Amino acid sequence: MSGIKASFLVGAVLLLLVGYKYAVELVPIQGQVAIIIPLGLAYYSLRVIHYILEAYKGSLPRHSLVDYLQYQFFLPTLVIGPIHRFNDFLISSKKNHWKMEYLTSGAERILYGYVKITFLGNYLISGVFQNYIDSLGSADEPGIIYLNMVRNGLNLYMQFSGFSDIAIGFAKMLGFKVMENFNWPYFQKNISDFWRCWHISLTSWCREYVFNTVMSSSRSPALGAIATMLIIGVWHELSFKYVVWGAYHGLGIVVWQLFQKFKPQLPALPTIISPITYVLSVLLTLNFVWFGFNIVSYPTIFEGFAAMGKVLVFWM
């Protein structure tokens, strides 16, 4: 595939995706959207772009149209990912010798996901914990805002990782291996490691096609990180607050990159306090991430910053 053809096809896919997202924002009618949105549009748009770029690089193996359609509209991952890669999917498809153990292990993974969503997320976090927070006082108090930030961050992980577990388990029941999407992101000690462990299929896609592309032309890791996080932001929602959210995380990664450059010049800490520094690093990363998640949970970015500003002032 020529570069011109690949650029045209990628541009057409992006135009379609942005057009739908923009139209949805502009055409609400009586609480309902007047635009019919294809199911899983954001996910299979990235799969299409992945396929086009791999075809341009000449790295696609021999396959049929049926193989492509099966990959593109694979039911377990259609709506909420993971955003698996064509080559891996094709290998899994060709080596697919179904065994009874796939049924049991896949069902176990699905059950694990449902427990995350229904019991941990819906009942404990959004139910019990939310009721406890509501009983403490006004929602405008800094302590209440902070607890709601924690609740929002915990629930987001349970919901999203739970649905990924269900997709992976469903695929396993059919005899397919799909890439993992989460790897204990809330136990990572810096923002860079967090994004290597959160929504792995999306972040690895962006690292390959956005970060590496920007790096190859600019030789700037900082620019690559900011561009990557901006793309991740607008992929979630085409709005100003998600642009700010993407820039927020991009700048967080840039600060971490700069810290890594100066770290060797700092005095080494005693090994005995390593567990303490690890815990403090995890807590700092968690609060940075949850701060960002909570900002976009408000109707406008200004309301989000105003609310979180109360928390910062309170701790100071």
Protein backbone atom coordinates (compact mmCIF):
# COMPACT_ATOMS: atom_id res chain seq x y z
CA MET A 1 0.00 0.00 0.00
CA SER A 2 1.36 3.42 -0.95
CA GLY A 3 1.88 6.20 1.55
CA ILE A 4 -0.68 8.41 -0.20
CA LYS A 5 -3.35 5.71 -0.11
CA ALA A 6 -2.62 4.91 3.54
CA SER A 7 -2.78 8.60 4.49
CA PHE A 8 -6.07 9.02 2.65
CA LEU A 9 -7.65 5.97 4.31
CA VAL A 10 -6.46 6.93 7.81
CA GLY A 11 -7.73 10.47 7.24
CA ALA A 12 -11.13 9.12 6.13
CA VAL A 13 -11.42 6.95 9.25
CA LEU A 14 -10.46 9.85 11.52
CA LEU A 15 -12.89 12.16 9.74
CA LEU A 16 -15.68 9.63 10.24
CA LEU A 17 -14.84 9.15 13.92
CA VAL A 18 -14.50 12.87 14.66
CA GLY A 19 -17.63 13.62 12.62
CA TYR A 20 -19.73 11.21 14.66
CA LYS A 21 -18.34 12.45 17.98
CA TYR A 22 -18.89 16.08 16.97
CA ALA A 23 -22.41 15.40 15.66
CA VAL A 24 -23.38 13.65 18.89
CA GLU A 25 -22.31 16.73 20.86
CA LEU A 26 -24.31 19.08 18.64
CA VAL A 27 -27.56 17.22 17.89
CA PRO A 28 -29.34 16.22 21.11
CA ILE A 29 -33.13 16.07 20.83
CA GLN A 30 -35.24 15.91 24.00
CA GLY A 31 -32.56 14.04 25.90
CA GLN A 32 -31.97 11.60 23.03
CA VAL A 33 -29.33 11.65 20.35
CA ALA A 34 -30.62 12.03 16.81
CA ILE A 35 -27.51 10.36 15.37
CA ILE A 36 -27.33 6.58 15.06
CA ILE A 37 -23.87 5.66 16.40
CA PRO A 38 -22.34 2.40 15.16
CA LEU A 39 -21.72 0.10 18.11
CA GLY A 40 -18.07 0.20 19.22
CA LEU A 41 -17.13 2.91 16.71
CA ALA A 42 -14.20 4.29 18.72
CA TYR A 43 -12.69 0.82 19.13
CA TYR A 44 -12.96 -0.53 15.63
CA SER A 45 -11.81 2.82 14.21
CA LEU A 46 -8.47 2.20 15.92
CA ARG A 47 -8.44 -1.38 14.66
CA VAL A 48 -9.01 -0.13 11.10
CA ILE A 49 -6.19 2.41 11.41
CA HIS A 50 -3.91 -0.27 12.86
CA TYR A 51 -4.69 -2.53 9.90
CA ILE A 52 -4.07 0.24 7.35
CA LEU A 53 -0.73 1.25 8.88
CA GLU A 54 0.46 -2.35 9.15
CA ALA A 55 -0.52 -2.87 5.50
CA TYR A 56 1.49 0.24 4.60
CA LYS A 57 4.52 -1.14 6.48
CA GLY A 58 4.06 -4.50 4.74
CA SER A 59 3.90 -6.40 8.00
CA LEU A 60 0.54 -8.10 7.52
CA PRO A 61 0.63 -11.86 6.97
CA ARG A 62 -1.31 -13.52 4.14
CA HIS A 63 -4.99 -13.58 4.98
CA SER A 64 -8.47 -13.52 3.50
CA LEU A 65 -11.29 -11.01 3.66
CA VAL A 66 -13.05 -13.36 6.08
CA ASP A 67 -10.02 -13.19 8.39
CA TYR A 68 -10.16 -9.40 8.35
CA LEU A 69 -13.91 -9.21 8.97
CA GLN A 70 -13.63 -11.73 11.78
CA TYR A 71 -10.92 -9.60 13.38
CA GLN A 72 -12.74 -6.32 12.89
CA PHE A 73 -16.12 -7.48 14.21
CA PHE A 74 -14.97 -9.98 16.82
CA LEU A 75 -17.94 -9.90 19.19
CA PRO A 76 -16.16 -10.13 22.60
CA THR A 77 -14.07 -7.02 21.94
CA LEU A 78 -16.46 -5.08 19.69
CA VAL A 79 -17.96 -2.68 22.21
CA ILE A 80 -15.35 -2.04 24.92
CA GLY A 81 -12.09 -3.57 23.71
CA PRO A 82 -9.35 -4.56 24.30
CA ILE A 83 -8.00 -3.15 21.03
CA HIS A 84 -6.21 -6.32 19.93
CA ARG A 85 -3.76 -6.48 17.01
CA PHE A 86 -4.46 -8.22 13.71
CA ASN A 87 -1.34 -10.40 13.60
CA ASP A 88 -1.91 -11.73 17.11
CA PHE A 89 -5.58 -12.33 16.38
CA LEU A 90 -4.80 -14.20 13.17
CA ILE A 91 -2.26 -16.45 14.92
CA SER A 92 -4.80 -17.18 17.65
CA SER A 93 -7.45 -17.89 15.01
CA LYS A 94 -5.28 -20.29 13.02
CA LYS A 95 -4.13 -22.13 16.14
CA ASN A 96 -7.63 -22.26 17.56
CA HIS A 97 -8.04 -25.85 18.78
CA TRP A 98 -10.94 -25.52 21.19
CA LYS A 99 -10.69 -27.34 24.52
CA MET A 100 -13.19 -27.77 27.34
CA GLU A 101 -10.78 -26.02 29.71
CA TYR A 102 -11.22 -22.83 27.66
CA LEU A 103 -14.90 -22.86 28.58
CA THR A 104 -14.26 -23.15 32.31
CA SER A 105 -11.32 -20.72 32.48
CA GLY A 106 -13.20 -18.21 30.31
CA ALA A 107 -16.31 -18.48 32.47
CA GLU A 108 -14.17 -17.97 35.58
CA ARG A 109 -12.71 -14.78 34.09
CA ILE A 110 -16.20 -13.54 33.19
CA LEU A 111 -17.39 -14.21 36.74
CA TYR A 112 -14.36 -12.32 38.05
CA GLY A 113 -15.34 -9.34 35.89
CA TYR A 114 -18.95 -9.42 37.03
CA VAL A 115 -17.86 -9.48 40.69
CA LYS A 116 -15.76 -6.37 40.05
CA ILE A 117 -18.62 -4.54 38.34
CA THR A 118 -21.64 -5.56 40.42
CA PHE A 119 -20.33 -6.29 43.91
CA LEU A 120 -17.19 -4.19 44.27
CA GLY A 121 -18.12 -1.35 41.91
CA ASN A 122 -21.89 -1.01 42.09
CA TYR A 123 -22.60 -2.30 45.60
CA LEU A 124 -19.57 -1.50 47.77
CA ILE A 125 -18.10 1.59 46.09
CA SER A 126 -21.12 3.26 44.45
CA GLY A 127 -23.52 2.03 47.13
CA VAL A 128 -22.10 1.51 50.61
CA PHE A 129 -19.13 3.88 50.28
CA GLN A 130 -21.23 6.55 48.53
CA ASN A 131 -23.89 6.40 51.25
CA TYR A 132 -21.19 6.75 53.90
CA ILE A 133 -19.76 9.82 52.15
CA ASP A 134 -23.23 11.36 51.83
CA SER A 135 -23.78 10.93 55.55
CA LEU A 136 -20.69 12.95 56.46
CA GLY A 137 -21.82 16.39 55.37
CA SER A 138 -22.15 18.84 52.51
CA ALA A 139 -20.87 17.76 49.09
CA ASP A 140 -18.98 21.09 48.83
CA GLU A 141 -16.73 20.40 51.82
CA PRO A 142 -13.09 19.64 50.86
CA GLY A 143 -13.01 16.33 52.72
CA ILE A 144 -16.21 15.15 51.00
CA ILE A 145 -14.91 16.22 47.59
CA TYR A 146 -11.73 14.25 48.23
CA LEU A 147 -13.62 11.12 49.31
CA ASN A 148 -15.80 11.38 46.21
CA MET A 149 -12.61 11.62 44.16
CA VAL A 150 -11.39 8.37 45.73
CA ARG A 151 -14.78 6.73 45.15
CA ASN A 152 -14.81 7.85 41.51
CA GLY A 153 -11.29 6.52 40.89
CA LEU A 154 -11.97 3.15 42.51
CA ASN A 155 -15.29 2.69 40.73
CA LEU A 156 -13.83 3.64 37.36
CA TYR A 157 -11.19 0.93 37.69
CA MET A 158 -13.68 -1.73 38.82
CA GLN A 159 -16.10 -0.96 36.00
CA PHE A 160 -13.59 -0.67 33.18
CA SER A 161 -11.31 -3.54 34.18
CA GLY A 162 -14.40 -5.66 34.94
CA PHE A 163 -15.75 -5.21 31.41
CA SER A 164 -12.29 -6.02 30.03
CA ASP A 165 -12.26 -9.22 32.10
CA ILE A 166 -15.63 -10.17 30.62
CA ALA A 167 -14.40 -9.53 27.06
CA ILE A 168 -11.20 -11.53 27.64
CA GLY A 169 -13.15 -14.35 29.27
CA PHE A 170 -15.74 -14.43 26.47
CA ALA A 171 -12.94 -14.61 23.89
CA LYS A 172 -11.28 -17.42 25.87
CA MET A 173 -14.52 -19.40 25.87
CA LEU A 174 -14.43 -19.21 22.06
CA GLY A 175 -10.81 -20.35 22.04
CA PHE A 176 -9.18 -16.97 21.36
CA LYS A 177 -6.46 -15.27 23.37
CA VAL A 178 -6.96 -11.51 23.70
CA MET A 179 -4.36 -9.15 25.18
CA GLU A 180 -4.69 -8.02 28.79
CA ASN A 181 -5.94 -4.48 29.34
CA PHE A 182 -4.99 -3.76 32.98
CA ASN A 183 -2.00 -4.75 35.09
CA TRP A 184 -2.51 -3.40 38.63
CA PRO A 185 -2.31 0.27 37.55
CA TYR A 186 -3.16 1.60 41.01
CA PHE A 187 -0.01 0.01 42.47
CA GLN A 188 2.41 1.80 40.13
CA LYS A 189 4.86 4.29 41.61
CA ASN A 190 4.92 6.88 38.83
CA ILE A 191 2.64 8.27 36.16
CA SER A 192 4.63 6.70 33.32
CA ASP A 193 4.28 3.20 34.77
CA PHE A 194 0.61 3.88 35.45
CA TRP A 195 -0.07 4.48 31.77
CA ARG A 196 1.80 1.31 30.84
CA CYS A 197 -0.63 -0.62 33.04
CA TRP A 198 -3.94 1.22 32.45
CA HIS A 199 -5.97 0.47 29.31
CA ILE A 200 -2.90 -1.27 27.92
CA SER A 201 -4.37 -1.96 24.49
CA LEU A 202 -5.07 1.76 23.92
CA THR A 203 -1.85 3.12 25.42
CA SER A 204 0.30 0.60 23.54
CA TRP A 205 -1.57 1.49 20.31
CA CYS A 206 -0.89 5.20 20.91
CA ARG A 207 2.71 4.53 21.87
CA GLU A 208 3.26 2.67 18.59
CA TYR A 209 1.41 4.96 16.21
CA VAL A 210 1.49 8.38 17.92
CA PHE A 211 4.44 8.55 20.32
CA ASN A 212 6.90 6.74 18.00
CA THR A 213 5.77 8.82 15.01
CA VAL A 214 6.23 12.12 16.86
CA MET A 215 9.54 10.94 18.30
CA SER A 216 10.90 9.95 14.90
CA SER A 217 10.19 13.41 13.50
CA SER A 218 10.89 15.62 16.52
CA ARG A 219 13.34 13.57 18.67
CA SER A 220 11.45 14.98 21.66
CA PRO A 221 10.08 12.53 24.27
CA ALA A 222 8.21 15.42 25.90
CA LEU A 223 6.40 16.34 22.69
CA GLY A 224 5.70 12.68 22.05
CA ALA A 225 4.19 12.22 25.52
CA ILE A 226 1.96 15.31 25.25
CA ALA A 227 0.78 14.41 21.73
CA THR A 228 -0.01 10.85 22.86
CA MET A 229 -2.01 11.94 25.88
CA LEU A 230 -3.92 14.54 23.86
CA ILE A 231 -4.95 11.82 21.40
CA ILE A 232 -6.02 9.57 24.28
CA GLY A 233 -8.03 12.46 25.72
CA VAL A 234 -9.99 13.34 22.59
CA TRP A 235 -10.46 9.63 21.81
CA HIS A 236 -12.46 9.40 25.03
CA GLU A 237 -14.51 12.50 24.29
CA LEU A 238 -14.23 15.31 21.77
CA SER A 239 -14.45 18.17 24.25
CA PHE A 240 -12.35 20.92 25.77
CA LYS A 241 -12.23 19.26 29.18
CA TYR A 242 -10.74 16.08 27.73
CA VAL A 243 -8.15 18.11 25.82
CA VAL A 244 -7.18 19.67 29.16
CA TRP A 245 -7.24 16.22 30.78
CA GLY A 246 -4.90 14.88 28.10
CA ALA A 247 -2.55 17.85 28.47
CA TYR A 248 -2.63 17.41 32.26
CA HIS A 249 -1.42 13.82 32.00
CA GLY A 250 1.02 14.65 29.22
CA LEU A 251 2.64 17.35 31.35
CA GLY A 252 2.69 14.92 34.29
CA ILE A 253 4.72 12.47 32.20
CA VAL A 254 7.04 15.28 31.04
CA VAL A 255 7.71 16.28 34.65
CA TRP A 256 8.48 12.65 35.44
CA GLN A 257 10.88 12.48 32.47
CA LEU A 258 12.69 15.59 33.70
CA PHE A 259 12.87 14.18 37.22
CA GLN A 260 14.51 11.03 35.85
CA LYS A 261 17.25 13.15 34.26
CA PHE A 262 18.05 14.92 37.53
CA LYS A 263 17.54 11.91 39.80
CA PRO A 264 21.15 10.61 39.49
CA GLN A 265 22.39 13.94 40.89
CA LEU A 266 20.32 13.56 44.06
CA PRO A 267 21.75 11.80 47.14
CA ALA A 268 20.81 8.13 47.34
CA LEU A 269 18.21 7.22 49.95
CA PRO A 270 18.93 4.45 52.47
CA THR A 271 17.69 1.04 51.30
CA ILE A 272 15.88 0.51 54.58
CA ILE A 273 13.30 3.18 53.73
CA SER A 274 12.57 1.79 50.24
CA PRO A 275 9.16 0.40 51.30
CA ILE A 276 8.21 3.82 52.63
CA THR A 277 9.29 5.63 49.46
CA TYR A 278 7.39 3.06 47.37
CA VAL A 279 4.16 3.63 49.32
CA LEU A 280 4.54 7.41 49.14
CA SER A 281 5.24 7.21 45.39
CA VAL A 282 2.14 5.07 44.84
CA LEU A 283 -0.03 7.46 46.87
CA LEU A 284 1.31 10.48 44.99
CA THR A 285 0.65 8.80 41.63
CA LEU A 286 -2.82 7.71 42.72
CA ASN A 287 -3.79 11.20 43.82
CA PHE A 288 -2.45 12.70 40.60
CA VAL A 289 -4.46 10.23 38.51
CA TRP A 290 -7.64 10.51 40.57
CA PHE A 291 -7.39 14.31 40.52
CA GLY A 292 -7.47 14.14 36.72
CA PHE A 293 -10.30 11.60 36.61
CA ASN A 294 -12.36 13.68 38.99
CA ILE A 295 -11.90 16.90 37.02
CA VAL A 296 -13.58 15.45 33.92
CA SER A 297 -16.42 14.00 36.01
CA TYR A 298 -17.85 17.53 36.44
CA PRO A 299 -20.06 19.15 33.77
CA THR A 300 -17.31 21.66 32.89
CA ILE A 301 -13.56 21.69 33.38
CA PHE A 302 -13.86 24.93 35.36
CA GLU A 303 -16.19 23.34 37.90
CA GLY A 304 -13.79 20.43 38.18
CA PHE A 305 -10.78 22.63 38.86
CA ALA A 306 -12.77 24.77 41.30
CA ALA A 307 -13.81 21.69 43.29
CA MET A 308 -10.34 20.19 43.36
CA GLY A 309 -8.88 23.59 44.21
CA LYS A 310 -10.82 23.45 47.48
CA VAL A 311 -9.12 20.12 48.25
CA LEU A 312 -5.64 21.50 47.52
CA VAL A 313 -6.22 24.61 49.64
CA PHE A 314 -7.53 22.43 52.47
CA TRP A 315 -4.38 20.26 52.53
CA MET A 316 -2.14 23.32 52.38
